[in-house]
Protein backbone atom coordinates (compact mmCIF):
# COMPACT_ATOMS: atom_id res chain seq x y z
CA MET A 1 -0.06 0.06 0.01
CA ARG A 2 1.39 3.31 -1.09
CA VAL A 3 0.86 6.44 1.12
CA ILE A 4 1.85 9.93 0.29
CA ILE A 5 2.29 12.43 2.96
CA ILE A 6 2.75 15.99 2.31
CA GLY A 7 4.25 17.93 5.35
CA ALA A 8 7.00 16.61 7.50
CA GLY A 9 5.91 18.31 10.78
CA GLU A 10 4.80 16.62 13.93
CA VAL A 11 1.68 15.04 12.38
CA GLY A 12 3.42 14.13 8.99
CA TYR A 13 6.38 12.65 10.68
CA HIS A 14 4.59 10.46 13.20
CA ILE A 15 2.09 9.04 10.64
CA ALA A 16 5.11 8.30 8.36
CA LYS A 17 6.95 6.62 11.24
CA LYS A 18 3.94 4.50 12.35
CA LEU A 19 3.26 3.31 8.87
CA SER A 20 6.88 2.58 8.04
CA ASP A 21 7.05 0.32 11.32
CA GLU A 22 4.14 -1.45 9.71
CA GLN A 23 6.11 -2.07 6.43
CA LYS A 24 3.81 0.27 4.47
CA ASP A 25 5.24 2.01 1.25
CA VAL A 26 5.46 5.65 2.48
CA VAL A 27 6.63 8.72 0.51
CA LEU A 28 7.02 12.05 2.44
CA ILE A 29 7.21 15.38 0.72
CA ASP A 30 8.37 18.59 2.20
CA LYS A 31 10.04 21.91 1.04
CA ASP A 32 12.34 22.18 4.09
CA PRO A 33 15.77 20.51 3.44
CA ALA A 34 16.37 20.14 7.35
CA LYS A 35 13.05 18.15 7.85
CA ILE A 36 13.96 15.90 4.75
CA ARG A 37 17.38 15.23 6.34
CA ARG A 38 15.55 14.32 9.61
CA ILE A 39 13.36 11.92 7.75
CA ASN A 40 16.38 10.34 5.91
CA GLU A 41 18.28 9.93 9.14
CA ASN A 42 15.54 8.45 11.39
CA LEU A 43 12.85 6.64 9.02
CA ASP A 44 12.82 4.05 6.53
CA VAL A 45 10.54 6.03 4.06
CA GLN A 46 11.17 7.78 0.82
CA ALA A 47 11.57 11.54 1.21
CA LEU A 48 11.12 14.04 -1.57
CA LEU A 49 12.37 17.73 -1.25
CA GLY A 50 9.72 19.79 -3.03
CA SER A 51 6.05 21.14 -2.91
CA GLY A 52 3.07 18.91 -2.48
CA THR A 53 1.35 21.39 -5.03
CA SER A 54 3.70 20.43 -7.89
CA PRO A 55 2.12 17.86 -10.28
CA ARG A 56 5.74 16.68 -11.09
CA ILE A 57 6.58 15.98 -7.42
CA LEU A 58 3.25 14.03 -7.04
CA ARG A 59 3.91 11.94 -10.16
CA SER A 60 7.49 11.35 -8.82
CA ALA A 61 5.98 10.19 -5.45
CA GLY A 62 3.78 7.70 -7.30
CA ILE A 63 0.35 9.34 -7.05
CA GLU A 64 -1.04 7.08 -9.84
CA ASP A 65 -0.55 4.12 -7.49
CA ALA A 66 -1.24 5.60 -4.04
CA LYS A 67 -4.13 4.48 -1.91
CA LEU A 68 -4.02 7.41 0.33
CA LEU A 69 -2.74 11.09 0.35
CA VAL A 70 -2.43 12.97 3.59
CA ALA A 71 -2.04 16.71 3.18
CA ALA A 72 -0.75 17.80 6.71
CA THR A 73 1.10 20.99 6.33
CA ASP A 74 0.58 24.15 8.30
CA ILE A 75 -0.87 25.99 5.31
CA ASP A 76 -4.64 25.20 4.42
CA GLU A 77 -4.27 26.48 0.87
CA VAL A 78 -1.21 24.02 0.12
CA ASN A 79 -3.24 21.04 1.67
CA LEU A 80 -6.45 21.87 -0.47
CA ILE A 81 -4.41 22.46 -3.72
CA ALA A 82 -2.57 19.11 -3.06
CA CYS A 83 -5.79 17.40 -2.80
CA LEU A 84 -7.28 18.96 -5.92
CA LEU A 85 -4.17 17.85 -7.91
CA ALA A 86 -4.46 14.41 -6.58
CA ARG A 87 -8.02 14.09 -7.50
CA SER A 88 -7.05 15.09 -11.19
CA LEU A 89 -4.09 12.67 -11.13
CA ASN A 90 -5.78 9.68 -9.48
CA ARG A 91 -9.51 9.83 -8.82
CA HIS A 92 -9.22 6.62 -6.56
CA THR A 93 -6.80 8.01 -4.07
CA ILE A 94 -8.32 8.67 -0.67
CA LYS A 95 -7.51 12.26 0.26
CA ILE A 96 -7.21 13.60 3.76
CA ALA A 97 -6.60 17.34 4.31
CA ARG A 98 -5.68 19.24 7.59
CA VAL A 99 -7.73 22.48 7.59
CA ARG A 100 -7.67 25.20 10.33
CA ASN A 101 -9.40 28.14 8.82
CA ARG A 102 -12.99 28.04 10.08
CA GLU A 103 -14.23 29.96 6.92
CA TYR A 104 -13.24 27.06 4.87
CA LEU A 105 -14.80 24.58 7.29
CA LYS A 106 -18.16 26.49 6.96
CA GLU A 107 -18.07 25.85 3.15
CA LYS A 108 -19.06 22.21 3.12
CA SER A 109 -19.50 22.10 -0.70
CA LEU A 110 -15.89 22.97 -1.18
CA PHE A 111 -14.78 19.62 -0.07
CA SER A 112 -17.40 17.57 -2.17
CA GLN A 113 -16.45 15.05 -4.75
CA ASP A 114 -17.48 17.46 -7.49
CA LEU A 115 -14.80 20.03 -6.49
CA LEU A 116 -11.90 19.11 -4.24
CA GLY A 117 -12.93 15.42 -3.52
CA VAL A 118 -11.66 15.55 -0.01
CA ASP A 119 -12.55 12.34 1.82
CA LEU A 120 -11.65 13.58 5.34
CA ILE A 121 -11.06 16.91 6.86
CA ILE A 122 -8.83 17.06 10.02
CA ASN A 123 -9.33 20.03 12.23
CA THR A 124 -7.29 19.51 15.42
CA GLN A 125 -8.96 22.36 17.27
CA ASN A 126 -12.38 20.69 17.07
CA MET A 127 -10.94 17.40 18.03
CA MET A 128 -9.26 18.94 21.18
CA VAL A 129 -12.49 20.63 22.28
CA GLU A 130 -14.30 17.13 21.97
CA THR A 131 -11.40 15.49 23.80
CA ILE A 132 -11.61 18.08 26.75
CA LEU A 133 -15.39 17.90 27.00
CA ASN A 134 -15.23 13.99 27.14
CA LEU A 135 -12.59 14.18 30.05
CA MET A 136 -14.74 16.57 31.92
CA GLU A 137 -17.54 13.95 31.88
CA ILE A 138 -15.43 11.35 33.74
CA PRO A 139 -13.57 13.00 36.63
CA GLY A 140 -10.25 11.42 37.39
CA ALA A 141 -9.71 9.78 33.86
CA SER A 142 -6.46 10.45 32.06
CA GLU A 143 -7.84 9.38 28.71
CA VAL A 144 -11.34 8.85 27.30
CA VAL A 145 -12.20 7.26 23.88
CA ASP A 146 -15.66 6.92 22.60
CA PHE A 147 -16.87 3.75 20.87
CA LEU A 148 -20.29 3.19 19.25
CA GLY A 149 -20.96 6.87 19.17
CA GLY A 150 -20.26 7.22 22.98
CA SER A 151 -22.42 4.53 24.36
CA VAL A 152 -19.30 2.48 25.17
CA LYS A 153 -16.09 4.20 26.46
CA LEU A 154 -12.46 3.27 26.77
CA VAL A 155 -11.20 5.05 29.94
CA SER A 156 -7.76 5.18 31.33
CA PHE A 157 -7.04 5.71 35.16
CA LEU A 158 -3.89 5.95 37.18
CA ILE A 159 -3.71 3.58 39.92
CA LEU A 160 -2.56 5.12 43.26
CA GLU A 161 -1.16 3.34 46.42
CA ASP A 162 -4.62 3.40 47.93
CA SER A 163 -6.60 2.49 45.02
CA PRO A 164 -9.06 -0.52 45.54
CA LEU A 165 -7.34 -2.24 42.41
CA ALA A 166 -3.83 -1.81 43.58
CA GLY A 167 -2.49 -5.19 44.28
CA LYS A 168 -5.23 -7.07 42.71
CA LYS A 169 -4.92 -10.04 40.22
CA LEU A 170 -7.06 -9.60 37.07
CA SER A 171 -8.48 -13.11 37.60
CA ASP A 172 -9.90 -12.16 40.89
CA LEU A 173 -11.75 -9.11 39.40
CA SER A 174 -13.04 -11.32 36.60
CA ARG A 175 -14.79 -13.71 39.14
CA GLN A 176 -16.63 -10.85 40.95
CA GLU A 177 -20.30 -10.38 39.86
CA ASP A 178 -19.93 -6.79 38.66
CA LYS A 179 -16.83 -7.41 36.53
CA LEU A 180 -14.33 -4.78 35.63
CA LEU A 181 -13.15 -5.15 31.97
CA ILE A 182 -9.58 -4.21 32.09
CA VAL A 183 -8.22 -4.52 28.62
CA ALA A 184 -4.65 -2.95 28.80
CA ILE A 185 -2.16 -1.85 31.38
CA VAL A 186 0.54 0.83 30.84
CA ARG A 187 3.56 0.21 33.11
CA GLY A 188 6.36 2.77 32.62
CA HIS A 189 7.05 3.04 28.84
CA LYS A 190 5.39 -0.49 28.15
CA ILE A 191 1.76 -1.50 27.32
CA LEU A 192 0.72 -4.96 28.51
CA ILE A 193 -2.04 -6.75 27.02
CA PRO A 194 -3.09 -8.46 30.28
CA SER A 195 -3.83 -12.08 31.24
CA GLY A 196 -5.61 -13.36 34.39
CA LYS A 197 -2.27 -13.86 36.12
CA ASP A 198 -1.23 -10.23 35.81
CA VAL A 199 -1.35 -8.01 39.02
CA ILE A 200 -2.25 -4.36 38.98
CA ARG A 201 0.44 -2.26 40.64
CA PRO A 202 0.43 1.40 42.00
CA GLN A 203 1.47 3.87 39.18
CA ASP A 204 -0.01 1.62 36.40
CA PHE A 205 -2.47 3.18 33.96
CA VAL A 206 -5.22 0.66 33.48
CA TYR A 207 -7.74 0.89 30.40
CA LEU A 208 -11.29 -0.26 31.11
CA VAL A 209 -14.11 -0.76 28.70
CA VAL A 210 -17.42 0.90 30.39
CA LYS A 211 -20.96 1.42 29.28
CA LYS A 212 -21.86 5.08 29.22
CA THR A 213 -24.69 4.29 31.61
CA GLU A 214 -22.28 2.46 34.24
CA VAL A 215 -19.62 5.23 34.38
CA ALA A 216 -20.70 6.60 37.69
CA GLN A 217 -20.95 3.00 39.23
CA THR A 218 -17.35 2.19 37.96
CA LEU A 219 -16.04 5.45 39.33
CA GLY A 220 -17.45 4.55 42.64
CA ARG A 221 -15.82 1.12 42.61
CA LEU A 222 -12.55 2.83 41.95
CA ASP A 223 -12.99 5.51 44.88
CA MET A 224 -12.82 8.09 42.01
CA PRO A 225 -14.61 11.47 42.44
CA THR A 226 -18.20 11.43 40.86
CA ARG A 227 -19.17 15.12 41.67
CA PRO A 228 -19.51 17.00 38.26
CA VAL A 229 -16.97 19.47 37.21
CA LYS A 230 -18.52 22.93 37.94
CA ASN A 231 -15.42 25.31 38.54
CA ILE A 232 -13.22 25.66 35.77
CA ILE A 233 -10.19 27.91 34.76
CA ILE A 234 -9.09 27.94 31.03
CA VAL A 235 -5.66 29.41 30.46
CA GLY A 236 -5.15 30.63 26.98
CA ALA A 237 -7.75 32.47 24.73
CA GLY A 238 -6.49 31.47 21.38
CA GLY A 239 -8.56 29.47 19.06
CA THR A 240 -8.80 26.21 21.24
CA GLY A 241 -9.29 27.94 24.53
CA LEU A 242 -12.02 30.11 23.15
CA ALA A 243 -13.64 27.17 21.60
CA VAL A 244 -13.72 25.31 24.86
CA ALA A 245 -15.11 28.42 26.66
CA GLN A 246 -17.89 28.86 23.99
CA ALA A 247 -18.74 25.13 24.44
CA LEU A 248 -19.16 25.68 28.21
CA ASP A 249 -20.68 29.26 28.07
CA ASN A 250 -24.28 28.31 28.59
CA ARG A 251 -23.88 25.28 30.90
CA ARG A 252 -24.41 27.36 34.12
CA LEU A 253 -20.95 26.59 35.16
CA ASN A 254 -18.37 28.88 36.96
CA VAL A 255 -15.81 29.36 34.04
CA ARG A 256 -12.93 31.86 33.82
CA ILE A 257 -10.53 32.29 30.90
CA ILE A 258 -7.10 33.91 31.41
CA ASP A 259 -4.79 35.37 28.78
CA GLN A 260 -2.01 38.00 28.70
CA ASP A 261 -2.97 39.27 25.32
CA GLY A 262 -5.38 42.25 25.66
CA GLU A 263 -6.83 41.80 22.16
CA LYS A 264 -7.61 38.26 22.71
CA CYS A 265 -9.34 39.15 25.87
CA LYS A 266 -11.45 41.70 24.07
CA GLU A 267 -12.49 39.21 21.49
CA ALA A 268 -13.32 36.66 24.22
CA ASN A 269 -15.50 39.24 26.03
CA ARG A 270 -17.29 40.04 22.83
CA GLN A 271 -18.10 36.31 22.13
CA LEU A 272 -18.77 34.97 25.59
CA ASN A 273 -21.86 35.62 27.68
CA HIS A 274 -21.33 33.92 31.03
CA VAL A 275 -17.63 33.26 31.16
CA THR A 276 -15.46 35.66 33.19
CA VAL A 277 -12.47 36.91 31.11
CA ILE A 278 -9.34 37.85 32.93
CA LYS A 279 -6.26 39.58 31.46
CA GLY A 280 -3.13 38.41 33.24
CA ASP A 281 -0.30 35.81 33.38
CA ALA A 282 -1.51 32.52 34.66
CA ALA A 283 2.18 31.59 35.50
CA ASP A 284 1.85 34.22 38.31
CA ARG A 285 1.13 32.15 41.54
CA ASP A 286 -0.42 35.41 43.02
CA LEU A 287 -2.91 35.76 40.16
CA LEU A 288 -3.94 31.84 40.37
CA ARG A 289 -4.37 32.53 44.17
CA GLU A 290 -6.44 35.60 43.56
CA GLU A 291 -8.81 33.59 41.12
CA ASN A 292 -9.19 30.79 43.80
CA ALA A 293 -7.33 28.22 41.77
CA GLY A 294 -7.17 25.99 44.86
CA ASP A 295 -10.98 25.80 44.98
CA MET A 296 -11.31 24.93 41.20
CA ASP A 297 -12.38 21.59 40.05
CA LEU A 298 -10.32 21.71 36.83
CA LEU A 299 -7.64 24.02 35.17
CA VAL A 300 -7.11 23.59 31.34
CA ALA A 301 -3.80 24.94 30.26
CA LEU A 302 -4.17 25.67 26.36
CA THR A 303 -1.70 28.26 25.49
CA GLY A 304 0.52 27.88 22.57
CA ASP A 305 3.86 27.48 24.78
CA GLU A 306 3.90 23.94 26.18
CA GLU A 307 6.53 24.80 28.72
CA SER A 308 4.18 27.43 30.14
CA ASN A 309 1.21 24.92 30.08
CA VAL A 310 3.34 22.55 32.15
CA LEU A 311 4.36 25.18 34.53
CA ILE A 312 0.87 26.54 35.02
CA SER A 313 -0.60 23.17 35.60
CA LEU A 314 1.97 22.22 38.28
CA LEU A 315 1.37 25.55 40.02
CA ALA A 316 -2.27 24.97 39.94
CA LYS A 317 -1.84 21.46 41.46
CA GLU A 318 0.39 22.98 44.14
CA LEU A 319 -2.33 25.39 45.07
CA GLY A 320 -4.99 22.73 45.35
CA THR A 321 -6.77 22.54 42.02
CA ALA A 322 -8.51 19.19 41.96
CA ARG A 323 -7.46 18.33 38.33
CA THR A 324 -5.56 19.65 35.42
CA ILE A 325 -5.50 19.14 31.71
CA THR A 326 -2.30 20.17 29.82
CA ARG A 327 -1.80 20.67 26.23
CA VAL A 328 1.49 19.39 25.04
CA SER A 329 2.21 19.64 21.13
CA LYS A 330 5.39 17.51 20.95
CA LEU A 331 4.51 13.78 21.07
CA SER A 332 8.06 12.92 22.35
CA TYR A 333 7.21 14.93 25.65
CA MET A 334 4.00 12.98 26.38
CA HIS A 335 5.53 10.47 28.65
CA ILE A 336 7.93 12.89 30.46
CA VAL A 337 5.26 15.20 31.46
CA SER A 338 2.91 12.37 32.41
CA VAL A 339 5.09 11.34 35.21
CA ILE A 340 5.85 14.56 36.92
CA GLY A 341 2.58 14.95 38.55
CA LEU A 342 0.33 16.15 35.82
CA ASP A 343 -3.25 14.54 35.58
CA THR A 344 -3.94 14.50 31.99
CA VAL A 345 -2.03 15.49 28.94
CA ILE A 346 -3.51 15.99 25.66
CA ASN A 347 -2.04 16.37 22.19
CA PRO A 348 -3.61 17.94 19.22
CA ARG A 349 -1.60 15.89 16.80
CA MET A 350 -2.46 12.56 18.41
CA SER A 351 -6.19 13.17 17.49
CA ALA A 352 -4.94 13.81 13.86
CA VAL A 353 -3.04 10.51 13.80
CA ARG A 354 -6.25 8.71 15.17
CA ALA A 355 -8.51 9.95 12.38
CA ILE A 356 -5.88 9.22 9.62
CA LEU A 357 -5.37 5.62 10.77
CA GLN A 358 -8.97 4.79 10.57
CA HIS A 359 -8.66 5.38 6.79
CA LEU A 360 -5.73 3.04 6.46
CA ARG A 361 -6.97 0.03 8.39
CA MET A 362 -8.35 -2.95 6.39
CA GLY A 363 -11.62 -4.73 7.17
CA ARG A 364 -14.68 -3.03 8.61
CA ILE A 365 -12.90 -0.66 10.90
CA ILE A 366 -15.13 1.81 12.54
CA SER A 367 -12.59 3.79 14.61
CA VAL A 368 -8.99 3.59 15.76
CA ALA A 369 -7.24 5.02 18.81
CA PRO A 370 -3.54 5.01 19.36
CA LEU A 371 -2.61 4.49 22.89
CA ARG A 372 0.46 5.76 25.00
CA GLU A 373 3.19 6.78 22.49
CA GLU A 374 1.51 4.72 19.82
CA GLN A 375 2.88 1.48 20.97
CA ALA A 376 -0.72 -0.02 20.72
CA GLU A 377 -4.08 0.68 19.30
CA ALA A 378 -7.73 0.22 20.39
CA ILE A 379 -9.78 -0.74 17.44
CA GLU A 380 -13.60 -0.73 16.98
CA ALA A 381 -14.52 -3.08 14.26
CA GLU A 382 -17.66 -4.85 12.70
CA ALA A 383 -17.33 -8.53 12.46
CA LEU A 384 -17.88 -9.53 8.86
CA GLU A 385 -19.74 -12.71 8.02
CA THR A 386 -16.84 -13.71 5.61
CA SER A 387 -13.98 -13.23 8.16
CA ASP A 388 -12.13 -15.85 10.11
CA ILE A 389 -13.18 -14.50 13.50
CA VAL A 390 -17.05 -15.33 13.29
CA ASN A 391 -19.05 -18.41 13.87
CA THR A 392 -16.05 -20.15 15.75
CA PRO A 393 -15.15 -20.44 19.43
CA LEU A 394 -12.52 -17.93 20.29
CA SER A 395 -10.23 -20.68 21.65
CA LYS A 396 -9.97 -21.93 18.01
CA VAL A 397 -9.37 -18.62 16.31
CA ASP A 398 -5.89 -17.73 15.43
CA PHE A 399 -5.67 -14.53 17.43
CA PRO A 400 -2.10 -13.06 17.12
CA PRO A 401 -0.16 -12.86 20.31
CA GLY A 402 -0.07 -9.33 21.48
CA ALA A 403 -3.82 -8.55 20.63
CA ILE A 404 -6.87 -9.21 22.68
CA LEU A 405 -10.47 -9.06 21.98
CA GLY A 406 -11.49 -6.76 24.87
CA ALA A 407 -15.28 -6.74 24.49
CA ILE A 408 -18.06 -7.84 22.09
CA VAL A 409 -21.05 -5.43 21.80
CA ARG A 410 -24.14 -7.12 20.63
CA GLY A 411 -27.16 -4.82 20.52
CA ASP A 412 -27.31 -3.39 24.21
CA GLU A 413 -25.11 -6.16 25.69
CA ILE A 414 -21.48 -5.89 26.34
CA ILE A 415 -19.94 -9.40 26.37
CA ILE A 416 -16.66 -10.27 28.14
CA PRO A 417 -15.24 -12.80 25.87
CA ARG A 418 -14.09 -16.26 26.92
CA GLY A 419 -12.60 -19.24 25.09
CA ASP A 420 -16.10 -20.71 24.27
CA THR A 421 -17.46 -17.26 23.19
CA ILE A 422 -18.69 -17.23 19.49
CA VAL A 423 -18.62 -13.88 17.70
CA LEU A 424 -21.63 -13.38 15.31
CA PRO A 425 -21.77 -11.60 12.05
CA HIS A 426 -22.11 -7.67 12.57
CA ASP A 427 -21.14 -7.72 16.31
CA ARG A 428 -19.05 -4.76 17.25
CA LEU A 429 -15.64 -5.84 18.40
CA ILE A 430 -13.42 -3.72 20.65
CA ILE A 431 -9.82 -5.06 20.12
CA PHE A 432 -6.46 -4.02 21.71
CA ALA A 433 -3.34 -4.82 19.76
CA MET A 434 0.41 -4.07 19.94
CA GLN A 435 1.58 -2.21 16.80
CA ASN A 436 3.82 -5.21 15.68
CA VAL A 437 0.66 -7.37 15.12
CA ILE A 438 -1.72 -5.00 13.42
CA ASN A 439 -1.20 -6.59 10.09
CA LYS A 440 -2.00 -9.91 11.19
CA LEU A 441 -5.02 -8.63 12.95
CA GLU A 442 -6.17 -6.85 9.74
CA CYS A 443 -5.93 -10.18 7.90
CA LEU A 444 -8.24 -11.82 10.52
CA LEU A 445 -10.80 -9.10 10.24
CA THR A 446 -10.89 -9.13 6.35
CA VAL A 447 -12.68 -11.25 3.87
CA LYS A 448 -11.80 -14.99 3.69
CA LEU A 449 -9.93 -16.03 0.41
CA GLU A 450 -12.43 -18.79 -0.27
CA TYR A 451 -15.19 -16.10 -0.31
CA PHE A 452 -14.00 -15.02 -3.85
C-alpha cells in the first residue's frame, strides 16, 4: 500500500513513522531540507524535497498508485490544492486534508467530490475541544475514547497506592459479579495486553471498557470522584481555549478564561456571555491565588507554549486545583510530562493521527485510537460474516499474540469474551493490539480468500 504524506511536521512525521514500522510504502514530501534530512536519518521511508502542490513531485511520489494522500502542512491552501491535484491525477486515491481556517470549514460544498474531492477533513481544534469535554464527563480519567457513538467508552485511570485495584490480580476481578473489564495496562514505557495472572500495581495506568450508563458505578468502585466538574479555569484565549469556553458558556458553570493578550481578551469578552475573562499571566502564583485556583475542580492549560502549560498546571496542582488538563504539542514530551505529577496530557496531533489511521486499516474498521506513545491501538470493528473470526469459538481462532478481544457489543449487551464465546456476524468488536501485530489482525478481520 502506497501512502503519500505532504508535510514533515509533527503530524506528518509520526504518521510516516507509524506506517513505516508496519512496512507500508510511504513517501513524504516537504520543502524544508532540514526536515527531509531528519526523515532520511530516522525513518525508513522515501523523502522528496519539493512542494506537494507540484504535479511533477506528486507523479514522482507515485500518485498514480497511491491508496492514500495525507496533506498535513501548516498551510490550508497548500493542503487543499494538493488534494485537488491528487483528484485530477488519480480519482481513486483517498484524500485527507488538515484544515484550520474556520471560514473554509463552513463551506461544506468546497470539499465535495465534485470540487476538491476531500474524503476527510482534519481540524485539530475541534478534536481537542471534543477531547476536553469528554474528559470533563469522567472526573479522574487520564484518557477517554468513545466507541459506538459514545455509548461505550474506553477510559484510562492512574492507579494510586490506596486504589481498591492496587495489588489485585485480574483473575480475581473477573470472578466478581460486577466485573471490571480491564483490557490494557501501561507500566512505565510499556503497554501490557493483560492475562488473568497479571497483578495491577500502583502507578499503572489501566484501560477499562465501560458502558456510558455504568460510568458513575465504575467510578465509585475505583474510589474516584463522581461530583460533576463545575468550577473551571481555562488558560489561553486562542482558538482552542476560546472554543472550549464557548462550548461551556451556556452550561451554568463557573468558568474563567485567562490570557495575557489584551486583544484576545477583548475578543473573548465579545463572544462569551457567562464566562469571566481575565487579562493576566496565569504563570503568576499570586494571580492564580486571587482567582481561587485552589478551589477549582479543573484547570485547562491551552496556551501555544507547552512549557508554560506545564508550569501553570504544576502551580495549580500545588495550590490545590483538583485536576488539570495540559496541552503538549510535541508527542515526544507526552510520557515525560505524564510522570511529573500532571493529571491529563492532551496532544492535538494525536487526534489527527487517530483519524488518519482509521482510513488505513483494512476490514470493517469503525474507529482507531492510538494508545500511549503509539505502541498499541484500540480498534472498533464490525465482524464481517466472511472473516475468520465469526461463527467459531474464540479458543479456535488464530488470534495473534499481542492482541486481545476486549469486548463484544451485541445490541445493548457488552460481552466479556471467554474461550467458548462465539462472535456473530455484525457484532461490534473492541480489540487491543500491539503495533507489531496490526497487520496480522487486519488479515483476521478481512474477507476469507475462499469467499471469492
